[in-house]
Amino acid sequence: MIADEAVTGVAVAVFDVPTDAPEADGTLAWSKTSVVVVEARVGDGPRGLGWTYTGRAAATLIEDLLAGVVVGRPALDVPGSSEAMVRAVRNLGRPGIAATAISASRGAPRRPATWNGWRSPGG
């Protein structure tokens, strides 16, 4: 049963999504939005998907630090994994990039990409 299984791997991808036209808010202009997608795996079976709008630096933080914190933890222990990730970024600072990286990683176990018979695109 998935509730008893541990996270065995974490994959991270970054996508730059172009806007239809240049956008601005009065302080900054942009022509693309970056999305970081996190996939948590449980063996060869279930996968969960989390994502957030943020920069590439969040993907590096997930790969270099946060993935190692959640691998081996129970797949559905979202509160425990969240607390472990918050502790892991203590010396980096929780606001900003760390907060967005945790947000994407925290969502992965809760948003099953292949659980209950539903498969994500490409999955």
PDB file of N, CA and C in Angstrom:
ATOM      1  N   MET A   1       0.843  -1.183   0.000  1.00  0.00           N
ATOM      2  CA  MET A   1       0.000   0.000   0.000  1.00  0.00           C
ATOM      3  C   MET A   1       0.882   1.239   0.000  1.00  0.00           C
ATOM      4  N   ILE A   2       0.508   2.261  -0.771  1.00  0.00           N
ATOM      5  CA  ILE A   2       1.318   3.464  -0.947  1.00  0.00           C
ATOM      6  C   ILE A   2       1.609   4.173   0.376  1.00  0.00           C
ATOM      7  N   ALA A   3       0.692   4.145   1.324  1.00  0.00           N
ATOM      8  CA  ALA A   3       0.901   4.841   2.592  1.00  0.00           C
ATOM      9  C   ALA A   3       2.100   4.304   3.348  1.00  0.00           C
ATOM     10  N   ASP A   4       2.484   3.058   3.104  1.00  0.00           N
ATOM     11  CA  ASP A   4       3.603   2.449   3.804  1.00  0.00           C
ATOM     12  C   ASP A   4       4.915   2.537   3.039  1.00  0.00           C
ATOM     13  N   GLU A   5       4.878   3.011   1.812  1.00  0.00           N
ATOM     14  CA  GLU A   5       6.071   3.008   0.971  1.00  0.00           C
ATOM     15  C   GLU A   5       6.817   4.331   1.051  1.00  0.00           C
ATOM     16  N   ALA A   6       8.122   4.254   0.800  1.00  0.00           N
ATOM     17  CA  ALA A   6       8.978   5.429   0.884  1.00  0.00           C
ATOM     18  C   ALA A   6       9.231   6.026  -0.501  1.00  0.00           C
ATOM     19  N   VAL A   7       9.523   7.305  -0.504  1.00  0.00           N
ATOM     20  CA  VAL A   7       9.937   7.986  -1.722  1.00  0.00           C
ATOM     21  C   VAL A   7      11.297   7.410  -2.114  1.00  0.00           C
ATOM     22  N   THR A   8      11.436   6.977  -3.366  1.00  0.00           N
ATOM     23  CA  THR A   8      12.688   6.376  -3.816  1.00  0.00           C
ATOM     24  C   THR A   8      13.481   7.286  -4.742  1.00  0.00           C
ATOM     25  N   GLY A   9      12.873   8.343  -5.223  1.00  0.00           N
ATOM     26  CA  GLY A   9      13.587   9.255  -6.101  1.00  0.00           C
ATOM     27  C   GLY A   9      12.806  10.517  -6.359  1.00  0.00           C
ATOM     28  N   VAL A  10      13.535  11.550  -6.749  1.00  0.00           N
ATOM     29  CA  VAL A  10      12.927  12.842  -7.063  1.00  0.00           C
ATOM     30  C   VAL A  10      13.551  13.332  -8.365  1.00  0.00           C
ATOM     31  N   ALA A  11      12.719  13.718  -9.314  1.00  0.00           N
ATOM     32  CA  ALA A  11      13.179  14.292 -10.578  1.00  0.00           C
ATOM     33  C   ALA A  11      12.667  15.726 -10.669  1.00  0.00           C
ATOM     34  N   VAL A  12      13.485  16.598 -11.242  1.00  0.00           N
ATOM     35  CA  VAL A  12      13.133  18.011 -11.344  1.00  0.00           C
ATOM     36  C   VAL A  12      13.315  18.468 -12.792  1.00  0.00           C
ATOM     37  N   ALA A  13      12.382  19.266 -13.273  1.00  0.00           N
ATOM     38  CA  ALA A  13      12.489  19.844 -14.615  1.00  0.00           C
ATOM     39  C   ALA A  13      12.080  21.302 -14.559  1.00  0.00           C
ATOM     40  N   VAL A  14      12.671  22.108 -15.432  1.00  0.00           N
ATOM     41  CA  VAL A  14      12.330  23.522 -15.527  1.00  0.00           C
ATOM     42  C   VAL A  14      11.829  23.791 -16.939  1.00  0.00           C
ATOM     43  N   PHE A  15      10.715  24.489 -17.022  1.00  0.00           N
ATOM     44  CA  PHE A  15      10.142  24.848 -18.313  1.00  0.00           C
ATOM     45  C   PHE A  15       9.982  26.359 -18.375  1.00  0.00           C
ATOM     46  N   ASP A  16      10.420  26.952 -19.473  1.00  0.00           N
ATOM     47  CA  ASP A  16      10.201  28.371 -19.719  1.00  0.00           C
ATOM     48  C   ASP A  16       9.025  28.484 -20.675  1.00  0.00           C
ATOM     49  N   VAL A  17       7.943  29.079 -20.206  1.00  0.00           N
ATOM     50  CA  VAL A  17       6.718  29.195 -20.984  1.00  0.00           C
ATOM     51  C   VAL A  17       6.630  30.626 -21.518  1.00  0.00           C
ATOM     52  N   PRO A  18       6.713  30.794 -22.842  1.00  0.00           N
ATOM     53  CA  PRO A  18       6.637  32.143 -23.402  1.00  0.00           C
ATOM     54  C   PRO A  18       5.238  32.739 -23.240  1.00  0.00           C
ATOM     55  N   THR A  19       5.186  34.024 -23.033  1.00  0.00           N
ATOM     56  CA  THR A  19       3.895  34.714 -22.979  1.00  0.00           C
ATOM     57  C   THR A  19       3.457  35.034 -24.409  1.00  0.00           C
ATOM     58  N   ASP A  20       2.163  35.284 -24.590  1.00  0.00           N
ATOM     59  CA  ASP A  20       1.650  35.618 -25.923  1.00  0.00           C
ATOM     60  C   ASP A  20       2.254  36.916 -26.447  1.00  0.00           C
ATOM     61  N   ALA A  21       2.472  37.837 -25.537  1.00  0.00           N
ATOM     62  CA  ALA A  21       3.056  39.136 -25.858  1.00  0.00           C
ATOM     63  C   ALA A  21       3.831  39.583 -24.618  1.00  0.00           C
ATOM     64  N   PRO A  22       4.756  40.524 -24.770  1.00  0.00           N
ATOM     65  CA  PRO A  22       5.466  41.010 -23.582  1.00  0.00           C
ATOM     66  C   PRO A  22       4.478  41.493 -22.521  1.00  0.00           C
ATOM     67  N   GLU A  23       4.778  41.171 -21.255  1.00  0.00           N
ATOM     68  CA  GLU A  23       3.925  41.576 -20.142  1.00  0.00           C
ATOM     69  C   GLU A  23       4.724  42.462 -19.199  1.00  0.00           C
ATOM     70  N   ALA A  24       4.022  43.274 -18.410  1.00  0.00           N
ATOM     71  CA  ALA A  24       4.673  44.170 -17.462  1.00  0.00           C
ATOM     72  C   ALA A  24       3.704  44.497 -16.344  1.00  0.00           C
ATOM     73  N   ASP A  25       4.272  44.873 -15.191  1.00  0.00           N
ATOM     74  CA  ASP A  25       3.432  45.270 -14.063  1.00  0.00           C
ATOM     75  C   ASP A  25       3.768  46.674 -13.558  1.00  0.00           C
ATOM     76  N   GLY A  26       4.503  47.437 -14.350  1.00  0.00           N
ATOM     77  CA  GLY A  26       4.877  48.790 -13.944  1.00  0.00           C
ATOM     78  C   GLY A  26       6.267  48.849 -13.328  1.00  0.00           C
ATOM     79  N   THR A  27       6.788  47.718 -12.887  1.00  0.00           N
ATOM     80  CA  THR A  27       8.122  47.695 -12.294  1.00  0.00           C
ATOM     81  C   THR A  27       9.076  46.795 -13.065  1.00  0.00           C
ATOM     82  N   LEU A  28       8.522  45.870 -13.844  1.00  0.00           N
ATOM     83  CA  LEU A  28       9.325  44.877 -14.540  1.00  0.00           C
ATOM     84  C   LEU A  28       8.569  44.406 -15.773  1.00  0.00           C
ATOM     85  N   ALA A  29       9.299  44.076 -16.831  1.00  0.00           N
ATOM     86  CA  ALA A  29       8.692  43.512 -18.038  1.00  0.00           C
ATOM     87  C   ALA A  29       9.277  42.122 -18.273  1.00  0.00           C
ATOM     88  N   TRP A  30       8.466  41.218 -18.841  1.00  0.00           N
ATOM     89  CA  TRP A  30       8.938  39.865 -19.110  1.00  0.00           C
ATOM     90  C   TRP A  30       8.223  39.297 -20.326  1.00  0.00           C
ATOM     91  N   SER A  31       8.859  38.269 -20.920  1.00  0.00           N
ATOM     92  CA  SER A  31       8.276  37.627 -22.100  1.00  0.00           C
ATOM     93  C   SER A  31       8.159  36.113 -21.909  1.00  0.00           C
ATOM     94  N   LYS A  32       8.454  35.635 -20.703  1.00  0.00           N
ATOM     95  CA  LYS A  32       8.316  34.208 -20.397  1.00  0.00           C
ATOM     96  C   LYS A  32       8.110  34.033 -18.894  1.00  0.00           C
ATOM     97  N   THR A  33       7.581  32.883 -18.533  1.00  0.00           N
ATOM     98  CA  THR A  33       7.395  32.510 -17.131  1.00  0.00           C
ATOM     99  C   THR A  33       8.054  31.154 -16.939  1.00  0.00           C
ATOM    100  N   SER A  34       8.842  31.015 -15.871  1.00  0.00           N
ATOM    101  CA  SER A  34       9.489  29.736 -15.585  1.00  0.00           C
ATOM    102  C   SER A  34       8.648  28.924 -14.612  1.00  0.00           C
ATOM    103  N   VAL A  35       8.570  27.614 -14.876  1.00  0.00           N
ATOM    104  CA  VAL A  35       7.834  26.681 -14.036  1.00  0.00           C
ATOM    105  C   VAL A  35       8.786  25.557 -13.651  1.00  0.00           C
ATOM    106  N   VAL A  36       8.875  25.268 -12.355  1.00  0.00           N
ATOM    107  CA  VAL A  36       9.666  24.136 -11.874  1.00  0.00           C
ATOM    108  C   VAL A  36       8.692  23.020 -11.523  1.00  0.00           C
ATOM    109  N   VAL A  37       8.938  21.839 -12.090  1.00  0.00           N
ATOM    110  CA  VAL A  37       8.085  20.667 -11.882  1.00  0.00           C
ATOM    111  C   VAL A  37       8.896  19.609 -11.140  1.00  0.00           C
ATOM    112  N   VAL A  38       8.294  19.041 -10.093  1.00  0.00           N
ATOM    113  CA  VAL A  38       8.949  18.016  -9.281  1.00  0.00           C
ATOM    114  C   VAL A  38       8.118  16.740  -9.341  1.00  0.00           C
ATOM    115  N   GLU A  39       8.796  15.629  -9.601  1.00  0.00           N
ATOM    116  CA  GLU A  39       8.131  14.330  -9.606  1.00  0.00           C
ATOM    117  C   GLU A  39       8.766  13.464  -8.521  1.00  0.00           C
ATOM    118  N   ALA A  40       7.952  13.025  -7.575  1.00  0.00           N
ATOM    119  CA  ALA A  40       8.413  12.106  -6.526  1.00  0.00           C
ATOM    120  C   ALA A  40       8.022  10.698  -6.942  1.00  0.00           C
ATOM    121  N   ARG A  41       8.968   9.772  -6.846  1.00  0.00           N
ATOM    122  CA  ARG A  41       8.712   8.390  -7.253  1.00  0.00           C
ATOM    123  C   ARG A  41       8.714   7.461  -6.046  1.00  0.00           C
ATOM    124  N   VAL A  42       7.896   6.420  -6.156  1.00  0.00           N
ATOM    125  CA  VAL A  42       7.857   5.337  -5.175  1.00  0.00           C
ATOM    126  C   VAL A  42       8.153   4.064  -5.963  1.00  0.00           C
ATOM    127  N   GLY A  43       9.426   3.640  -5.966  1.00  0.00           N
ATOM    128  CA  GLY A  43       9.828   2.471  -6.736  1.00  0.00           C
ATOM    129  C   GLY A  43       9.514   2.648  -8.208  1.00  0.00           C
ATOM    130  N   ASP A  44       9.067   1.569  -8.848  1.00  0.00           N
ATOM    131  CA  ASP A  44       8.675   1.635 -10.251  1.00  0.00           C
ATOM    132  C   ASP A  44       7.190   1.941 -10.387  1.00  0.00           C
ATOM    133  N   GLY A  45       6.530   2.189  -9.263  1.00  0.00           N
ATOM    134  CA  GLY A  45       5.087   2.385  -9.280  1.00  0.00           C
ATOM    135  C   GLY A  45       4.676   3.836  -9.283  1.00  0.00           C
ATOM    136  N   PRO A  46       3.925   4.222  -8.282  1.00  0.00           N
ATOM    137  CA  PRO A  46       3.308   5.549  -8.244  1.00  0.00           C
ATOM    138  C   PRO A  46       4.304   6.695  -8.309  1.00  0.00           C
ATOM    139  N   ARG A  47       3.840   7.775  -8.905  1.00  0.00           N
ATOM    140  CA  ARG A  47       4.596   9.024  -8.946  1.00  0.00           C
ATOM    141  C   ARG A  47       3.661  10.143  -8.543  1.00  0.00           C
ATOM    142  N   GLY A  48       4.216  11.153  -7.930  1.00  0.00           N
ATOM    143  CA  GLY A  48       3.430  12.325  -7.576  1.00  0.00           C
ATOM    144  C   GLY A  48       4.031  13.540  -8.252  1.00  0.00           C
ATOM    145  N   LEU A  49       3.236  14.555  -8.492  1.00  0.00           N
ATOM    146  CA  LEU A  49       3.666  15.723  -9.243  1.00  0.00           C
ATOM    147  C   LEU A  49       3.406  16.995  -8.454  1.00  0.00           C
ATOM    148  N   GLY A  50       4.418  17.840  -8.361  1.00  0.00           N
ATOM    149  CA  GLY A  50       4.281  19.150  -7.733  1.00  0.00           C
ATOM    150  C   GLY A  50       4.913  20.190  -8.647  1.00  0.00           C
ATOM    151  N   TRP A  51       4.464  21.437  -8.566  1.00  0.00           N
ATOM    152  CA  TRP A  51       5.029  22.473  -9.422  1.00  0.00           C
ATOM    153  C   TRP A  51       4.836  23.838  -8.790  1.00  0.00           C
ATOM    154  N   THR A  52       5.626  24.797  -9.284  1.00  0.00           N
ATOM    155  CA  THR A  52       5.491  26.168  -8.845  1.00  0.00           C
ATOM    156  C   THR A  52       6.077  27.103  -9.901  1.00  0.00           C
ATOM    157  N   TYR A  53       5.605  28.326  -9.940  1.00  0.00           N
ATOM    158  CA  TYR A  53       6.200  29.350 -10.792  1.00  0.00           C
ATOM    159  C   TYR A  53       7.379  29.925 -10.029  1.00  0.00           C
ATOM    160  N   THR A  54       8.574  29.769 -10.567  1.00  0.00           N
ATOM    161  CA  THR A  54       9.779  30.265  -9.905  1.00  0.00           C
ATOM    162  C   THR A  54      10.940  30.191 -10.879  1.00  0.00           C
ATOM    163  N   GLY A  55      12.120  30.537 -10.418  1.00  0.00           N
ATOM    164  CA  GLY A  55      13.301  30.512 -11.261  1.00  0.00           C
ATOM    165  C   GLY A  55      14.055  29.190 -11.184  1.00  0.00           C
ATOM    166  N   ARG A  56      15.034  29.045 -12.068  1.00  0.00           N
ATOM    167  CA  ARG A  56      15.841  27.829 -12.151  1.00  0.00           C
ATOM    168  C   ARG A  56      16.612  27.541 -10.868  1.00  0.00           C
ATOM    169  N   ALA A  57      16.901  28.555 -10.098  1.00  0.00           N
ATOM    170  CA  ALA A  57      17.638  28.353  -8.844  1.00  0.00           C
ATOM    171  C   ALA A  57      16.887  27.415  -7.903  1.00  0.00           C
ATOM    172  N   ALA A  58      15.566  27.445  -7.940  1.00  0.00           N
ATOM    173  CA  ALA A  58      14.777  26.548  -7.088  1.00  0.00           C
ATOM    174  C   ALA A  58      15.006  25.097  -7.482  1.00  0.00           C
ATOM    175  N   ALA A  59      15.143  24.823  -8.781  1.00  0.00           N
ATOM    176  CA  ALA A  59      15.408  23.457  -9.239  1.00  0.00           C
ATOM    177  C   ALA A  59      16.750  22.967  -8.713  1.00  0.00           C
ATOM    178  N   THR A  60      17.736  23.829  -8.729  1.00  0.00           N
ATOM    179  CA  THR A  60      19.054  23.466  -8.201  1.00  0.00           C
ATOM    180  C   THR A  60      18.972  23.163  -6.714  1.00  0.00           C
ATOM    181  N   LEU A  61      18.232  23.964  -5.979  1.00  0.00           N
ATOM    182  CA  LEU A  61      18.066  23.732  -4.542  1.00  0.00           C
ATOM    183  C   LEU A  61      17.372  22.400  -4.275  1.00  0.00           C
ATOM    184  N   ILE A  62      16.369  22.080  -5.070  1.00  0.00           N
ATOM    185  CA  ILE A  62      15.673  20.802  -4.907  1.00  0.00           C
ATOM    186  C   ILE A  62      16.629  19.647  -5.186  1.00  0.00           C
ATOM    187  N   GLU A  63      17.358  19.724  -6.292  1.00  0.00           N
ATOM    188  CA  GLU A  63      18.276  18.644  -6.662  1.00  0.00           C
ATOM    189  C   GLU A  63      19.409  18.489  -5.652  1.00  0.00           C
ATOM    190  N   ASP A  64      19.985  19.607  -5.217  1.00  0.00           N
ATOM    191  CA  ASP A  64      21.182  19.563  -4.365  1.00  0.00           C
ATOM    192  C   ASP A  64      20.896  19.343  -2.884  1.00  0.00           C
ATOM    193  N   LEU A  65      19.695  19.703  -2.430  1.00  0.00           N
ATOM    194  CA  LEU A  65      19.428  19.632  -0.992  1.00  0.00           C
ATOM    195  C   LEU A  65      18.114  18.931  -0.647  1.00  0.00           C
ATOM    196  N   LEU A  66      17.019  19.401  -1.188  1.00  0.00           N
ATOM    197  CA  LEU A  66      15.712  18.916  -0.742  1.00  0.00           C
ATOM    198  C   LEU A  66      15.413  17.478  -1.144  1.00  0.00           C
ATOM    199  N   ALA A  67      15.860  17.051  -2.317  1.00  0.00           N
ATOM    200  CA  ALA A  67      15.609  15.666  -2.741  1.00  0.00           C
ATOM    201  C   ALA A  67      16.194  14.692  -1.726  1.00  0.00           C
ATOM    202  N   GLY A  68      17.380  14.968  -1.244  1.00  0.00           N
ATOM    203  CA  GLY A  68      18.019  14.093  -0.262  1.00  0.00           C
ATOM    204  C   GLY A  68      17.298  14.055   1.067  1.00  0.00           C
ATOM    205  N   VAL A  69      16.517  15.079   1.339  1.00  0.00           N
ATOM    206  CA  VAL A  69      15.765  15.140   2.595  1.00  0.00           C
ATOM    207  C   VAL A  69      14.503  14.284   2.522  1.00  0.00           C
ATOM    208  N   VAL A  70      13.873  14.208   1.350  1.00  0.00           N
ATOM    209  CA  VAL A  70      12.605  13.480   1.253  1.00  0.00           C
ATOM    210  C   VAL A  70      12.767  12.025   0.804  1.00  0.00           C
ATOM    211  N   VAL A  71      13.831  11.710   0.079  1.00  0.00           N
ATOM    212  CA  VAL A  71      14.037  10.315  -0.335  1.00  0.00           C
ATOM    213  C   VAL A  71      14.215   9.463   0.923  1.00  0.00           C
ATOM    214  N   GLY A  72      13.461   8.380   0.970  1.00  0.00           N
ATOM    215  CA  GLY A  72      13.498   7.487   2.123  1.00  0.00           C
ATOM    216  C   GLY A  72      12.380   7.742   3.129  1.00  0.00           C
ATOM    217  N   ARG A  73      11.736   8.895   3.025  1.00  0.00           N
ATOM    218  CA  ARG A  73      10.614   9.200   3.924  1.00  0.00           C
ATOM    219  C   ARG A  73       9.337   8.553   3.392  1.00  0.00           C
ATOM    220  N   PRO A  74       8.356   8.290   4.252  1.00  0.00           N
ATOM    221  CA  PRO A  74       7.077   7.741   3.770  1.00  0.00           C
ATOM    222  C   PRO A  74       6.457   8.669   2.721  1.00  0.00           C
ATOM    223  N   ALA A  75       5.993   8.097   1.629  1.00  0.00           N
ATOM    224  CA  ALA A  75       5.498   8.877   0.495  1.00  0.00           C
ATOM    225  C   ALA A  75       4.371   9.832   0.869  1.00  0.00           C
ATOM    226  N   LEU A  76       3.505   9.433   1.764  1.00  0.00           N
ATOM    227  CA  LEU A  76       2.358  10.281   2.105  1.00  0.00           C
ATOM    228  C   LEU A  76       2.542  11.065   3.399  1.00  0.00           C
ATOM    229  N   ASP A  77       3.753  11.093   3.929  1.00  0.00           N
ATOM    230  CA  ASP A  77       4.022  11.885   5.134  1.00  0.00           C
ATOM    231  C   ASP A  77       4.393  13.306   4.722  1.00  0.00           C
ATOM    232  N   VAL A  78       3.425  14.006   4.140  1.00  0.00           N
ATOM    233  CA  VAL A  78       3.663  15.370   3.669  1.00  0.00           C
ATOM    234  C   VAL A  78       4.047  16.299   4.814  1.00  0.00           C
ATOM    235  N   PRO A  79       3.371  16.267   5.969  1.00  0.00           N
ATOM    236  CA  PRO A  79       3.785  17.155   7.065  1.00  0.00           C
ATOM    237  C   PRO A  79       5.220  16.885   7.530  1.00  0.00           C
ATOM    238  N   GLY A  80       5.597  15.622   7.639  1.00  0.00           N
ATOM    239  CA  GLY A  80       6.953  15.290   8.074  1.00  0.00           C
ATOM    240  C   GLY A  80       7.998  15.719   7.064  1.00  0.00           C
ATOM    241  N   SER A  81       7.714  15.507   5.779  1.00  0.00           N
ATOM    242  CA  SER A  81       8.636  15.932   4.722  1.00  0.00           C
ATOM    243  C   SER A  81       8.751  17.452   4.677  1.00  0.00           C
ATOM    244  N   SER A  82       7.630  18.137   4.857  1.00  0.00           N
ATOM    245  CA  SER A  82       7.642  19.607   4.860  1.00  0.00           C
ATOM    246  C   SER A  82       8.522  20.135   5.984  1.00  0.00           C
ATOM    247  N   GLU A  83       8.350  19.586   7.167  1.00  0.00           N
ATOM    248  CA  GLU A  83       9.157  20.019   8.310  1.00  0.00           C
ATOM    249  C   GLU A  83      10.639  19.744   8.066  1.00  0.00           C
ATOM    250  N   ALA A  84      10.957  18.596   7.497  1.00  0.00           N
ATOM    251  CA  ALA A  84      12.357  18.254   7.215  1.00  0.00           C
ATOM    252  C   ALA A  84      12.958  19.224   6.196  1.00  0.00           C
ATOM    253  N   MET A  85      12.185  19.613   5.180  1.00  0.00           N
ATOM    254  CA  MET A  85      12.695  20.553   4.188  1.00  0.00           C
ATOM    255  C   MET A  85      12.903  21.942   4.787  1.00  0.00           C
ATOM    256  N   VAL A  86      11.973  22.364   5.629  1.00  0.00           N
ATOM    257  CA  VAL A  86      12.125  23.673   6.283  1.00  0.00           C
ATOM    258  C   VAL A  86      13.390  23.680   7.142  1.00  0.00           C
ATOM    259  N   ARG A  87      13.634  22.610   7.866  1.00  0.00           N
ATOM    260  CA  ARG A  87      14.851  22.526   8.680  1.00  0.00           C
ATOM    261  C   ARG A  87      16.107  22.524   7.810  1.00  0.00           C
ATOM    262  N   ALA A  88      16.022  21.876   6.648  1.00  0.00           N
ATOM    263  CA  ALA A  88      17.182  21.772   5.763  1.00  0.00           C
ATOM    264  C   ALA A  88      17.614  23.122   5.198  1.00  0.00           C
ATOM    265  N   VAL A  89      16.674  24.066   5.034  1.00  0.00           N
ATOM    266  CA  VAL A  89      17.028  25.374   4.469  1.00  0.00           C
ATOM    267  C   VAL A  89      17.283  26.416   5.553  1.00  0.00           C
ATOM    268  N   ARG A  90      17.377  25.995   6.785  1.00  0.00           N
ATOM    269  CA  ARG A  90      17.545  26.909   7.912  1.00  0.00           C
ATOM    270  C   ARG A  90      18.658  27.936   7.680  1.00  0.00           C
ATOM    271  N   ASN A  91      19.823  27.490   7.258  1.00  0.00           N
ATOM    272  CA  ASN A  91      20.942  28.407   7.091  1.00  0.00           C
ATOM    273  C   ASN A  91      20.932  29.139   5.754  1.00  0.00           C
ATOM    274  N   LEU A  92      20.015  28.767   4.860  1.00  0.00           N
ATOM    275  CA  LEU A  92      19.879  29.458   3.578  1.00  0.00           C
ATOM    276  C   LEU A  92      18.850  30.570   3.649  1.00  0.00           C
ATOM    277  N   GLY A  93      17.904  30.428   4.559  1.00  0.00           N
ATOM    278  CA  GLY A  93      16.774  31.346   4.653  1.00  0.00           C
ATOM    279  C   GLY A  93      15.563  30.728   3.984  1.00  0.00           C
ATOM    280  N   ARG A  94      14.446  30.764   4.686  1.00  0.00           N
ATOM    281  CA  ARG A  94      13.240  30.111   4.181  1.00  0.00           C
ATOM    282  C   ARG A  94      12.476  30.923   3.131  1.00  0.00           C
ATOM    283  N   PRO A  95      12.437  32.246   3.217  1.00  0.00           N
ATOM    284  CA  PRO A  95      11.673  33.006   2.207  1.00  0.00           C
ATOM    285  C   PRO A  95      12.314  32.927   0.817  1.00  0.00           C
ATOM    286  N   GLY A  96      11.580  33.330  -0.187  1.00  0.00           N
ATOM    287  CA  GLY A  96      12.117  33.437  -1.535  1.00  0.00           C
ATOM    288  C   GLY A  96      12.253  32.098  -2.241  1.00  0.00           C
ATOM    289  N   ILE A  97      13.427  31.866  -2.844  1.00  0.00           N
ATOM    290  CA  ILE A  97      13.675  30.664  -3.640  1.00  0.00           C
ATOM    291  C   ILE A  97      13.444  29.409  -2.819  1.00  0.00           C
ATOM    292  N   ALA A  98      13.903  29.375  -1.575  1.00  0.00           N
ATOM    293  CA  ALA A  98      13.711  28.184  -0.739  1.00  0.00           C
ATOM    294  C   ALA A  98      12.226  27.900  -0.549  1.00  0.00           C
ATOM    295  N   ALA A  99      11.432  28.919  -0.329  1.00  0.00           N
ATOM    296  CA  ALA A  99       9.991  28.715  -0.127  1.00  0.00           C
ATOM    297  C   ALA A  99       9.337  28.148  -1.385  1.00  0.00           C
ATOM    298  N   THR A 100       9.736  28.632  -2.562  1.00  0.00           N
ATOM    299  CA  THR A 100       9.130  28.106  -3.786  1.00  0.00           C
ATOM    300  C   THR A 100       9.591  26.673  -4.054  1.00  0.00           C
ATOM    301  N   ALA A 101      10.840  26.368  -3.737  1.00  0.00           N
ATOM    302  CA  ALA A 101      11.348  25.003  -3.915  1.00  0.00           C
ATOM    303  C   ALA A 101      10.611  24.030  -3.002  1.00  0.00           C
ATOM    304  N   ILE A 102      10.386  24.429  -1.760  1.00  0.00           N
ATOM    305  CA  ILE A 102       9.645  23.586  -0.816  1.00  0.00           C
ATOM    306  C   ILE A 102       8.201  23.415  -1.294  1.00  0.00           C
ATOM    307  N   SER A 103       7.604  24.474  -1.797  1.00  0.00           N
ATOM    308  CA  SER A 103       6.232  24.411  -2.279  1.00  0.00           C
ATOM    309  C   SER A 103       6.071  23.378  -3.391  1.00  0.00           C
ATOM    310  N   ALA A 104       6.964  23.387  -4.357  1.00  0.00           N
ATOM    311  CA  ALA A 104       6.885  22.418  -5.460  1.00  0.00           C
ATOM    312  C   ALA A 104       7.135  21.009  -4.956  1.00  0.00           C
ATOM    313  N   SER A 105       8.109  20.848  -4.065  1.00  0.00           N
ATOM    314  CA  SER A 105       8.447  19.519  -3.542  1.00  0.00           C
ATOM    315  C   SER A 105       7.357  18.976  -2.645  1.00  0.00           C
ATOM    316  N   ARG A 106       6.745  19.835  -1.872  1.00  0.00           N
ATOM    317  CA  ARG A 106       5.685  19.427  -0.951  1.00  0.00           C
ATOM    318  C   ARG A 106       4.468  18.928  -1.706  1.00  0.00           C
ATOM    319  N   GLY A 107       4.208  19.506  -2.865  1.00  0.00           N
ATOM    320  CA  GLY A 107       3.038  19.106  -3.639  1.00  0.00           C
ATOM    321  C   GLY A 107       3.175  17.757  -4.309  1.00  0.00           C
ATOM    322  N   ALA A 108       4.406  17.320  -4.567  1.00  0.00           N
ATOM    323  CA  ALA A 108       4.604  16.087  -5.339  1.00  0.00           C
ATOM    324  C   ALA A 108       3.915  14.861  -4.729  1.00  0.00           C
ATOM    325  N   PRO A 109       4.048  14.574  -3.436  1.00  0.00           N
ATOM    326  CA  PRO A 109       3.369  13.388  -2.915  1.00  0.00           C
ATOM    327  C   PRO A 109       1.846  13.515  -2.889  1.00  0.00           C
ATOM    328  N   ARG A 110       1.330  14.740  -2.831  1.00  0.00           N
ATOM    329  CA  ARG A 110      -0.114  14.929  -2.723  1.00  0.00           C
ATOM    330  C   ARG A 110      -0.824  14.907  -4.061  1.00  0.00           C
ATOM    331  N   ARG A 111      -0.106  15.127  -5.147  1.00  0.00           N
ATOM    332  CA  ARG A 111      -0.738  15.189  -6.462  1.00  0.00           C
ATOM    333  C   ARG A 111      -0.306  13.975  -7.275  1.00  0.00           C
ATOM    334  N   PRO A 112      -0.987  12.881  -7.098  1.00  0.00           N
ATOM    335  CA  PRO A 112      -0.544  11.654  -7.756  1.00  0.00           C
ATOM    336  C   PRO A 112      -0.680  11.705  -9.267  1.00  0.00           C
ATOM    337  N   ALA A 113       0.419  11.441  -9.942  1.00  0.00           N
ATOM    338  CA  ALA A 113       0.411  11.453 -11.400  1.00  0.00           C
ATOM    339  C   ALA A 113      -0.049  10.116 -11.968  1.00  0.00           C
ATOM    340  N   THR A 114       0.097   9.038 -11.228  1.00  0.00           N
ATOM    341  CA  THR A 114      -0.319   7.743 -11.744  1.00  0.00           C
ATOM    342  C   THR A 114      -1.190   6.986 -10.762  1.00  0.00           C
ATOM    343  N   TRP A 115      -1.519   7.566  -9.629  1.00  0.00           N
ATOM    344  CA  TRP A 115      -2.334   6.880  -8.646  1.00  0.00           C
ATOM    345  C   TRP A 115      -3.778   6.876  -9.088  1.00  0.00           C
ATOM    346  N   ASN A 116      -4.553   5.932  -8.624  1.00  0.00           N
ATOM    347  CA  ASN A 116      -5.979   5.815  -8.923  1.00  0.00           C
ATOM    348  C   ASN A 116      -6.271   5.702 -10.413  1.00  0.00           C
ATOM    349  N   GLY A 117      -5.311   5.155 -11.182  1.00  0.00           N
ATOM    350  CA  GLY A 117      -5.556   4.906 -12.588  1.00  0.00           C
ATOM    351  C   GLY A 117      -5.359   6.086 -13.506  1.00  0.00           C
ATOM    352  N   TRP A 118      -5.090   7.289 -12.977  1.00  0.00           N
ATOM    353  CA  TRP A 118      -4.895   8.460 -13.826  1.00  0.00           C
ATOM    354  C   TRP A 118      -3.423   8.592 -14.143  1.00  0.00           C
ATOM    355  N   ARG A 119      -3.102   8.878 -15.399  1.00  0.00           N
ATOM    356  CA  ARG A 119      -1.708   9.037 -15.792  1.00  0.00           C
ATOM    357  C   ARG A 119      -1.478  10.460 -16.279  1.00  0.00           C
ATOM    358  N   SER A 120      -0.348  11.019 -15.888  1.00  0.00           N
ATOM    359  CA  SER A 120      -0.005  12.353 -16.355  1.00  0.00           C
ATOM    360  C   SER A 120       0.450  12.274 -17.814  1.00  0.00           C
ATOM    361  N   PRO A 121       0.373  13.382 -18.542  1.00  0.00           N
ATOM    362  CA  PRO A 121       0.879  13.372 -19.901  1.00  0.00           C
ATOM    363  C   PRO A 121       2.360  13.000 -19.873  1.00  0.00           C
ATOM    364  N   GLY A 122       2.766  12.115 -20.710  1.00  0.00           N
ATOM    365  CA  GLY A 122       4.154  11.692 -20.753  1.00  0.00           C
ATOM    366  C   GLY A 122       4.476  10.670 -19.672  1.00  0.00           C
ATOM    367  N   GLY A 123       3.524  10.300 -18.849  1.00  0.00           N
ATOM    368  CA  GLY A 123       3.793   9.388 -17.741  1.00  0.00           C
ATOM    369  C   GLY A 123       3.067   8.169 -17.855  1.00  0.00           C
TER     370      GLY A 123
END
